[in-house]
Amino acid sequence: MEEKQGGPTAMQGGWEAADMLEIKTVEKPDERRDFPRGHLEAVHMTGLDFAVGTFEPGWRWSECVGPIVGTQSCEIHHNGYVVQGRMGIRMDDGGEGEVGPGDVFVCPAGHDAWVIGDEQVIVHDFAGGMAQDYAKAPGN
């Protein structure tokens, strides 16, 4: 490891994540994925993959995303914050809950989810898996 005076630490030609300030805006995402009745915008940074999921009334994971990924339930772990709207979640083991504006939630892989009511749902997800793999067909 080589230290540069007055700057970040260099390691094998790259920079250590903890030594860099990185700022991006969700207004200019690195990636956008569209799926029936919704879309995802992802920002990829050193040590963080962040996603904004937008789901329209009538969206249900098992109907709108499941056919794309080819699984019976969502296999992505979510650490989320609900900005707007209400969403129902049912775990494969039968547990069920509802999240709404201001709620912070942890949802392990193995679930279905759906929009409740007529309001669009916006979720911020910090877990990384959503930004990396959500609504991607196998092999993509």
Protein backbone atom coordinates (compact mmCIF):
# COMPACT_ATOMS: atom_id res chain seq x y z
CA MET A 1 0.00 0.00 0.00
CA GLU A 2 1.36 3.39 -0.97
CA GLU A 3 0.23 6.59 0.73
CA LYS A 4 -0.05 9.82 -1.22
CA GLN A 5 0.48 12.90 0.87
CA GLY A 6 -2.64 15.02 1.26
CA GLY A 7 -4.80 12.54 -0.65
CA PRO A 8 -6.36 9.11 -0.57
CA THR A 9 -4.44 5.89 -0.20
CA ALA A 10 -3.58 4.05 -3.40
CA MET A 11 -3.66 0.27 -3.50
CA GLN A 12 -2.69 -1.71 -6.62
CA GLY A 13 -3.51 1.23 -8.86
CA GLY A 14 -6.98 1.76 -7.37
CA TRP A 15 -8.41 3.68 -4.45
CA GLU A 16 -9.71 2.28 -1.21
CA ALA A 17 -13.45 2.87 -0.89
CA ALA A 18 -13.21 4.46 2.56
CA ASP A 19 -10.80 7.08 1.27
CA MET A 20 -12.95 8.51 -1.53
CA LEU A 21 -15.91 10.83 -1.50
CA GLU A 22 -18.36 9.65 -4.13
CA ILE A 23 -21.57 11.53 -4.93
CA LYS A 24 -24.20 10.64 -7.51
CA THR A 25 -27.80 11.65 -8.04
CA VAL A 26 -30.77 9.36 -8.60
CA GLU A 27 -31.91 11.93 -11.15
CA LYS A 28 -29.21 10.49 -13.45
CA PRO A 29 -29.18 6.75 -12.66
CA ASP A 30 -26.48 4.45 -14.00
CA GLU A 31 -29.11 1.97 -15.11
CA ARG A 32 -32.87 1.72 -15.64
CA ARG A 33 -34.87 -1.49 -15.94
CA ASP A 34 -38.49 -1.43 -17.08
CA PHE A 35 -40.95 -4.21 -16.28
CA PRO A 36 -44.76 -4.42 -16.47
CA ARG A 37 -46.35 -1.72 -14.28
CA GLY A 38 -43.05 -0.43 -12.96
CA HIS A 39 -39.37 0.31 -13.30
CA LEU A 40 -36.15 0.38 -11.33
CA GLU A 41 -33.41 2.99 -11.40
CA ALA A 42 -30.01 1.98 -10.04
CA VAL A 43 -26.98 3.94 -8.92
CA HIS A 44 -23.75 1.95 -8.57
CA MET A 45 -21.01 3.29 -6.31
CA THR A 46 -17.94 1.92 -4.57
CA GLY A 47 -19.34 -0.18 -1.73
CA LEU A 48 -23.01 0.67 -2.42
CA ASP A 49 -25.59 -0.29 -5.02
CA PHE A 50 -28.74 1.79 -4.47
CA ALA A 51 -32.10 1.32 -6.18
CA VAL A 52 -35.28 3.33 -6.53
CA GLY A 53 -38.20 1.06 -7.38
CA THR A 54 -41.40 2.56 -8.79
CA PHE A 55 -44.50 0.36 -8.85
CA GLU A 56 -47.85 1.34 -10.38
CA PRO A 57 -51.30 0.33 -9.11
CA GLY A 58 -51.98 -3.26 -10.15
CA TRP A 59 -48.31 -4.29 -9.90
CA ARG A 60 -47.65 -7.64 -8.27
CA TRP A 61 -44.19 -9.25 -8.20
CA SER A 62 -45.46 -12.75 -9.09
CA GLU A 63 -47.29 -11.41 -12.17
CA CYS A 64 -44.99 -8.61 -13.36
CA VAL A 65 -41.43 -9.66 -12.43
CA GLY A 66 -41.65 -13.41 -11.72
CA PRO A 67 -42.12 -14.32 -15.40
CA ILE A 68 -38.99 -12.31 -16.28
CA VAL A 69 -36.71 -13.98 -13.71
CA GLY A 70 -38.32 -17.43 -13.82
CA THR A 71 -38.79 -18.00 -10.09
CA GLN A 72 -41.91 -18.58 -7.99
CA SER A 73 -41.04 -15.80 -5.53
CA CYS A 74 -38.66 -12.84 -5.29
CA GLU A 75 -35.21 -14.14 -4.38
CA ILE A 76 -33.76 -10.68 -3.66
CA HIS A 77 -33.10 -9.50 -0.08
CA HIS A 78 -34.35 -5.93 0.48
CA ASN A 79 -33.37 -3.24 2.99
CA GLY A 80 -35.89 -0.60 2.08
CA TYR A 81 -37.51 2.72 2.85
CA VAL A 82 -40.99 3.51 1.52
CA VAL A 83 -41.23 7.04 0.11
CA GLN A 84 -44.82 6.84 -1.11
CA GLY A 85 -47.72 4.39 -1.41
CA ARG A 86 -48.52 1.12 0.33
CA MET A 87 -47.22 -2.36 -0.44
CA GLY A 88 -48.24 -5.78 0.84
CA ILE A 89 -45.60 -8.48 1.35
CA ARG A 90 -46.18 -12.21 1.84
CA MET A 91 -43.25 -14.44 2.77
CA ASP A 92 -42.99 -17.98 1.40
CA ASP A 93 -43.43 -19.27 4.97
CA GLY A 94 -46.83 -17.52 5.18
CA GLY A 95 -45.81 -14.44 7.17
CA GLU A 96 -47.43 -11.28 5.85
CA GLY A 97 -47.08 -7.54 6.40
CA GLU A 98 -47.75 -4.13 4.93
CA VAL A 99 -45.39 -1.17 4.50
CA GLY A 100 -46.19 2.47 3.81
CA PRO A 101 -44.70 5.96 3.72
CA GLY A 102 -41.90 6.44 6.23
CA ASP A 103 -41.50 2.71 6.94
CA VAL A 104 -38.03 1.16 6.96
CA PHE A 105 -38.06 -2.59 6.36
CA VAL A 106 -35.89 -5.67 5.98
CA CYS A 107 -37.37 -8.35 3.75
CA PRO A 108 -35.40 -11.56 3.15
CA ALA A 109 -35.48 -13.48 -0.12
CA GLY A 110 -38.52 -15.66 -0.68
CA HIS A 111 -41.57 -13.40 -0.93
CA ASP A 112 -44.28 -11.92 -3.13
CA ALA A 113 -45.29 -8.24 -2.99
CA TRP A 114 -48.03 -6.06 -4.46
CA VAL A 115 -49.25 -2.47 -4.60
CA ILE A 116 -52.16 -1.73 -2.28
CA GLY A 117 -54.70 0.81 -3.52
CA ASP A 118 -54.53 3.33 -6.34
CA GLU A 119 -51.32 5.18 -5.41
CA GLN A 120 -47.95 4.59 -7.04
CA VAL A 121 -45.38 3.05 -4.67
CA ILE A 122 -41.80 4.36 -4.51
CA VAL A 123 -39.23 2.37 -2.52
CA HIS A 124 -35.56 3.14 -1.88
CA ASP A 125 -33.51 -0.05 -1.48
CA PHE A 126 -30.04 -0.08 0.10
CA ALA A 127 -29.33 -3.84 0.18
CA GLY A 128 -27.62 -3.95 -3.22
CA GLY A 129 -29.30 -7.01 -4.70
CA MET A 130 -32.19 -5.01 -6.10
CA ALA A 131 -29.85 -2.60 -7.91
CA GLN A 132 -27.72 -5.47 -9.21
CA ASP A 133 -30.16 -8.23 -10.15
CA TYR A 134 -33.83 -7.23 -9.83
CA ALA A 135 -36.00 -7.95 -12.89
CA LYS A 136 -33.09 -9.40 -14.88
CA ALA A 137 -33.64 -12.53 -16.91
CA PRO A 138 -31.30 -15.43 -16.05
CA GLY A 139 -27.95 -15.02 -17.79
CA ASN A 140 -28.24 -11.22 -18.10
